[in-house]
Protein backbone atom coordinates (compact mmCIF):
# COMPACT_ATOMS: atom_id res chain seq x y z
CA MET A 1 -18.98 -13.65 -5.76
CA PRO A 2 -15.87 -15.41 -6.84
CA ILE A 3 -13.36 -13.63 -9.30
CA GLN A 4 -13.93 -15.29 -12.61
CA MET A 5 -11.07 -15.71 -15.08
CA MET A 6 -11.82 -15.48 -18.51
CA SER A 7 -10.50 -15.52 -22.04
CA PRO A 8 -9.16 -12.17 -23.70
CA LEU A 9 -11.67 -9.73 -23.31
CA ALA A 10 -14.71 -11.93 -23.93
CA PHE A 11 -18.04 -10.96 -21.57
CA MET A 12 -20.14 -14.56 -21.85
CA GLY A 13 -20.79 -13.75 -26.25
CA VAL A 14 -21.42 -10.07 -25.59
CA PRO A 15 -18.92 -7.33 -27.49
CA THR A 16 -16.31 -5.24 -26.22
CA LYS A 17 -15.50 -1.61 -27.15
CA LEU A 18 -11.95 -1.85 -25.30
CA SER A 19 -9.01 -3.00 -26.64
CA PHE A 20 -5.08 -3.11 -24.65
CA THR A 21 -1.98 -3.52 -25.80
CA ILE A 22 -1.05 -5.67 -22.04
CA GLU A 23 -4.02 -7.96 -21.67
CA PRO A 24 -6.16 -7.25 -18.29
CA HIS A 25 -4.72 -8.94 -15.35
CA ILE A 26 -8.62 -10.01 -14.73
CA THR A 27 -11.39 -9.42 -16.71
CA ARG A 28 -14.97 -10.36 -15.09
CA GLU A 29 -18.85 -9.38 -14.91
CA ILE A 30 -20.24 -7.82 -11.63
CA PHE A 31 -23.59 -6.74 -10.98
CA PHE A 32 -23.40 -3.14 -8.60
CA ASP A 33 -25.91 -0.88 -8.56
CA ASP A 34 -28.47 -2.66 -10.16
CA ARG A 35 -26.86 -3.23 -13.59
CA ILE A 36 -24.29 -5.19 -15.09
CA TRP A 37 -20.90 -3.99 -15.50
CA GLN A 38 -17.61 -5.59 -17.49
CA GLU A 39 -14.90 -4.93 -15.15
CA TYR A 40 -10.77 -5.06 -15.65
CA TRP A 41 -8.37 -5.42 -13.48
CA ILE A 42 -5.33 -3.77 -15.24
CA SER A 43 -1.68 -4.29 -13.24
CA GLU A 44 0.39 -3.32 -15.85
CA SER A 45 0.96 -0.14 -17.55
CA CYS A 46 -0.65 -0.10 -21.19
CA GLU A 47 -2.61 2.15 -24.34
CA MET A 48 -6.04 1.30 -23.90
CA THR A 49 -8.08 2.05 -27.05
CA VAL A 50 -11.73 2.72 -27.29
CA THR A 51 -13.82 1.79 -30.62
CA GLY A 52 -15.94 4.09 -32.15
CA SER A 53 -17.64 7.12 -29.74
CA PRO A 54 -16.91 7.43 -26.02
CA ILE A 55 -18.73 5.03 -23.62
CA ASP A 56 -20.75 7.13 -21.70
CA ASP A 57 -21.38 4.79 -17.92
CA CYS A 58 -17.66 4.44 -16.78
CA MET A 59 -16.31 4.21 -13.13
CA ILE A 60 -12.53 3.87 -12.68
CA TRP A 61 -10.64 3.00 -9.41
CA LEU A 62 -6.65 3.21 -9.11
CA CYS A 63 -4.46 3.13 -6.31
CA GLY A 64 -0.67 3.98 -6.55
CA GLY A 65 2.08 1.87 -5.17
CA GLY A 66 2.72 1.51 -1.45
CA ALA A 67 5.69 2.72 -0.35
CA LYS A 68 8.96 1.09 1.29
CA GLY A 69 8.99 1.78 5.44
CA ARG A 70 12.45 2.81 6.83
CA GLN A 71 15.25 0.94 8.29
CA ALA A 72 16.02 1.68 11.88
CA GLY A 73 18.56 3.95 13.26
CA GLY A 74 19.34 6.26 15.71
CA ASN A 75 18.18 4.44 18.38
CA ARG A 76 14.72 4.29 16.34
CA GLY A 77 12.93 1.47 14.65
CA GLY A 78 11.87 2.39 11.66
CA GLY A 79 8.37 4.18 10.43
CA GLY A 80 6.05 2.05 7.99
CA GLY A 81 5.54 2.60 4.59
CA GLY A 82 1.89 4.89 3.16
CA GLY A 83 -0.06 2.70 1.60
CA GLY A 84 -0.63 4.30 -2.23
CA PHE A 85 -3.17 7.08 -2.52
CA ILE A 86 -6.46 6.25 -4.05
CA ALA A 87 -8.72 8.03 -7.26
CA LYS A 88 -11.46 7.27 -8.38
CA TYR A 89 -13.73 8.51 -11.29
CA GLU A 90 -16.99 8.56 -13.06
CA GLY A 91 -17.92 9.57 -16.47
CA SER A 92 -17.23 8.99 -19.81
CA LEU A 93 -14.23 7.30 -21.49
CA SER A 94 -12.28 7.54 -23.94
CA SER A 95 -9.05 5.96 -25.61
CA SER A 96 -6.25 6.30 -22.64
CA THR A 97 -2.93 6.30 -21.56
CA ILE A 98 -2.71 3.84 -18.60
CA THR A 99 0.33 4.28 -15.77
CA VAL A 100 0.13 1.11 -12.68
CA GLY A 101 2.63 3.19 -10.21
CA ALA A 102 5.34 0.02 -8.79
CA GLY A 103 5.69 -0.14 -5.53
CA GLY A 104 8.61 1.62 -3.57
CA THR A 105 11.60 0.00 -3.41
CA SER A 106 13.98 2.75 -2.35
CA GLY A 107 10.92 5.03 -1.24
CA ALA A 108 7.72 6.40 -2.30
CA GLY A 109 5.71 4.27 -4.29
CA GLY A 110 4.52 5.31 -7.79
CA ALA A 111 1.43 7.19 -9.22
CA SER A 112 -0.95 5.09 -11.35
CA SER A 113 -3.08 7.32 -14.08
CA VAL A 114 -5.51 7.28 -16.54
CA VAL A 115 -4.62 9.78 -18.83
CA MET A 116 -7.46 10.84 -21.58
CA GLU A 117 -7.86 13.32 -24.14
CA GLU A 118 -9.35 16.22 -21.88
CA THR A 119 -9.20 13.65 -18.55
CA THR A 120 -6.33 12.63 -16.13
CA VAL A 121 -7.07 10.66 -13.33
CA LEU A 122 -4.28 10.12 -11.15
CA ALA A 123 -3.58 8.57 -7.60
CA GLU A 124 -0.17 9.24 -6.17
CA GLY A 125 2.12 6.28 -4.59
CA GLY A 126 2.40 6.02 -0.82
CA LYS A 127 4.72 8.07 1.15
CA GLN A 128 7.76 7.06 2.91
CA GLY A 129 7.73 9.35 6.73
CA GLU A 130 10.03 12.58 7.02
CA GLY A 131 11.96 10.72 9.71
CA THR A 132 13.90 7.73 10.37
CA SER A 133 10.94 6.81 13.06
CA SER A 134 7.94 8.74 11.19
CA GLY A 135 5.21 6.63 9.20
CA GLY A 136 4.53 7.13 6.03
CA THR A 137 1.26 9.06 4.90
CA GLY A 138 -0.84 7.28 2.00
CA GLY A 139 -4.29 5.75 1.63
CA SER A 140 -3.69 4.18 5.00
CA GLY A 141 -0.76 5.57 7.25
CA GLY A 142 2.29 3.72 8.01
CA GLY A 143 3.18 3.28 11.68
CA ALA A 144 5.20 5.17 14.02
CA GLY A 145 8.19 3.47 14.85
CA SER A 146 9.47 5.84 18.27
CA THR A 147 7.80 8.03 21.15
CA LEU A 148 10.82 10.16 21.15
CA ALA A 149 10.55 11.43 17.30
CA GLY A 150 8.30 11.05 14.39
CA GLY A 151 4.96 10.52 14.15
CA VAL A 152 2.30 8.29 12.54
CA GLY A 153 1.73 8.55 8.86
CA ASN A 154 -1.81 10.23 7.91
CA GLY A 155 -4.48 7.84 5.85
CA GLN A 156 -6.75 8.95 3.52
CA GLY A 157 -9.88 8.98 5.49
CA GLU A 158 -12.24 7.28 3.03
CA THR A 159 -12.31 3.68 2.32
CA THR A 160 -9.72 1.50 0.56
CA ILE A 161 -11.96 -1.46 -1.15
CA PRO A 162 -12.45 -0.22 -4.82
CA PHE A 163 -15.58 1.87 -5.71
CA GLY A 164 -17.15 0.96 -2.11
CA ASP A 165 -18.47 -1.77 -3.50
CA THR A 166 -18.77 -4.88 -0.52
CA ASP A 167 -20.38 -6.97 -2.20
CA ASN A 168 -17.26 -7.85 -4.86
CA PHE A 169 -14.72 -6.73 -2.75
CA THR A 170 -13.70 -8.41 0.26
CA ASP A 171 -10.35 -7.36 1.07
CA TYR A 172 -8.81 -3.43 2.13
CA TRP A 173 -5.88 -1.99 -0.10
CA CYS A 174 -4.12 -0.02 0.06
CA PRO A 175 -2.74 -0.81 3.89
CA GLY A 176 -0.13 0.94 5.87
CA GLY A 177 3.74 -0.76 6.65
CA GLY A 178 3.70 -1.53 10.67
CA ALA A 179 6.54 0.13 11.88
CA GLY A 180 9.65 -1.42 13.26
CA GLY A 181 10.15 -2.49 16.95
CA CYS A 182 13.41 -1.64 18.92
CA ALA A 183 15.36 -2.01 22.27
CA ILE A 184 18.55 0.50 23.90
CA ARG A 185 20.45 -1.04 25.75
CA TYR A 186 22.88 1.27 28.17
CA TYR A 187 25.75 0.01 29.90
CA GLN A 188 26.32 2.50 32.15
CA SER A 189 22.57 2.32 34.04
CA GLY A 190 22.45 -0.95 32.89
CA ALA A 191 18.84 -0.30 31.84
CA THR A 192 17.02 -1.36 28.36
CA THR A 193 14.75 0.54 26.84
CA VAL A 194 12.00 -0.67 24.49
CA PHE A 195 9.73 0.59 21.91
CA HIS A 196 7.07 -1.69 20.32
CA GLY A 197 6.43 -0.74 16.52
CA GLY A 198 3.26 1.19 15.82
CA ASN A 199 0.89 -0.74 13.26
CA GLY A 200 -0.32 -0.13 9.83
CA GLY A 201 -3.23 1.68 9.15
CA SER A 202 -6.44 -0.09 6.91
CA ASN A 203 -9.02 0.97 5.09
CA GLY A 204 -7.95 4.79 4.99
CA SER A 205 -6.69 5.32 8.60
CA SER A 206 -3.52 6.80 9.83
CA GLY A 207 -1.35 4.31 11.77
CA SER A 208 -0.39 3.75 15.42
CA SER A 209 1.72 4.77 17.97
CA ALA A 210 4.98 2.92 19.01
CA THR A 211 4.02 2.16 22.57
CA TYR A 212 6.96 0.76 25.79
CA VAL A 213 5.44 -2.76 25.54
CA ASN A 214 8.25 -4.63 24.38
CA SER A 215 9.98 -4.70 20.84
CA ALA A 216 7.86 -6.12 18.90
CA GLY A 217 7.64 -4.99 15.01
CA GLY A 218 3.84 -3.20 14.25
CA ILE A 219 1.63 -5.30 11.98
CA GLY A 220 0.28 -4.24 8.74
CA GLY A 221 -2.76 -3.09 8.44
CA ASP A 222 -5.32 -4.63 6.77
CA THR A 223 -4.83 -6.35 3.95
CA GLY A 224 -1.46 -7.51 3.45
CA GLY A 225 0.62 -4.38 5.17
CA GLY A 226 3.96 -5.43 5.41
CA ASN A 227 4.95 -6.27 9.25
CA GLY A 228 7.52 -4.33 11.00
CA GLY A 229 10.90 -5.94 12.08
CA GLY A 230 11.30 -6.49 15.95
CA CYS A 231 14.07 -7.16 18.13
CA ASP A 232 14.61 -9.73 20.84
CA ASP A 233 17.21 -7.98 23.56
CA SER A 234 17.25 -11.29 25.12
CA ILE A 235 19.71 -12.39 22.76
CA ARG A 236 20.68 -9.36 21.61
CA SER A 237 18.97 -9.47 17.84
CA ALA A 238 16.81 -7.80 15.46
CA THR A 239 14.69 -8.31 12.70
CA ALA A 240 13.98 -7.06 9.17
CA GLY A 241 10.65 -5.72 8.07
CA THR A 242 8.30 -7.82 5.52
CA ALA A 243 7.35 -6.56 1.84
CA GLY A 244 3.73 -5.84 1.29
CA SER A 245 1.85 -8.10 -0.62
CA THR A 246 -1.36 -6.74 -1.92
CA TYR A 247 -2.05 -3.49 -3.94
CA GLY A 248 -0.94 -0.67 -3.02
CA ALA A 249 0.82 -2.15 0.56
CA GLY A 250 3.11 -0.14 2.31
CA GLY A 251 6.09 -2.28 3.20
CA GLY A 252 7.19 -2.34 7.18
CA GLY A 253 10.15 -0.64 9.18
CA GLY A 254 12.97 -2.07 10.15
CA GLY A 255 14.09 -3.45 13.88
CA GLY A 256 16.71 -2.34 15.72
CA TYR A 257 19.08 -3.01 18.63
CA PHE A 258 21.03 -0.76 19.98
CA THR A 259 23.69 -0.64 22.63
CA ASP A 260 26.92 1.31 24.08
CA VAL A 261 28.13 -1.61 26.26
CA PRO A 262 31.71 -2.72 25.01
CA GLY A 263 31.74 -5.69 22.63
CA GLU A 264 27.86 -5.40 21.88
CA THR A 265 27.09 -4.21 17.93
CA ALA A 266 24.09 -2.50 17.56
CA MET A 267 21.91 -3.64 14.50
CA THR A 268 19.80 -1.53 12.36
CA MET A 269 17.76 -4.33 9.94
CA SER A 270 16.31 -3.10 6.33
CA SER A 271 12.58 -2.68 5.40
CA GLY A 272 10.48 -3.84 3.41
CA ASP A 273 8.73 -2.77 -0.28
CA GLY A 274 6.12 -1.62 -1.02
CA TYR A 275 3.40 -3.22 -3.46
CA GLN A 276 2.24 -1.90 -7.09
CA GLY A 277 -0.91 -0.13 -7.48
CA ILE A 278 -3.23 -0.63 -9.93
CA VAL A 279 -6.07 0.47 -12.37
CA ILE A 280 -9.77 -1.17 -12.13
CA ILE A 281 -12.17 -0.08 -14.84
CA ARG A 282 -16.02 -0.89 -15.19
CA VAL A 283 -18.39 0.14 -18.47
CA VAL A 284 -21.73 -1.17 -18.45
CA ARG A 285 -22.13 -4.24 -20.34
CA PRO A 286 -23.84 -3.59 -23.67
């Protein structure tokens, strides 16, 4: 079903009990579980007011911001950032403070939350890996940048399609970032060791491990995880990781070129930022 942009909180003439201090990014009506729902995509922190008594039939899906990938360093490509963790809620809805987690620009992503008087729904931001080449944990995990040290980032293990609703959503969110690839050139032996960065996880899966295939960066998870930077050892050059580009996406790790050959310069490239989280609220149409 295509996304329908509507005027502020107007659902085909049907009244709504909700109001927001910042207008939702998207409002639409959808059919799910044999009922018609009013759906609000909230991409900025705000206050939400429920007029009158609490709404009984409500569903909430939210994710934190994705983590920034790791910069390359220490003969290792940078690990991919973890996608934002997800959280779900079903029950009554009352006036709330809504926080939308920011994408990580220097580390972990920010947490998203819906805080009601008696209930708090919280989704943490994705994490960076603990070491240079480690993938970060999250809704989906980041890839690993080396086989020498640092593991993959673990995913949450459940679908990252909002509400598990494949009729109204087509993309996986909260993907992990791909890890950076790297090459290590040794003067004494003349040998070059390469690591292909691991791919980011998708739909709740963990990231993948680095391999010895080549020095390319790992691919970001579906849909929109940042790609890992790579290295072209034939020209002694490396590239940076790219930013995540969909809700909760982790950033890609940086690529690296490492050398002890006299006259050559090592390159430790930067990583991509994570992408912000989101809060989605559904209420049954009156």
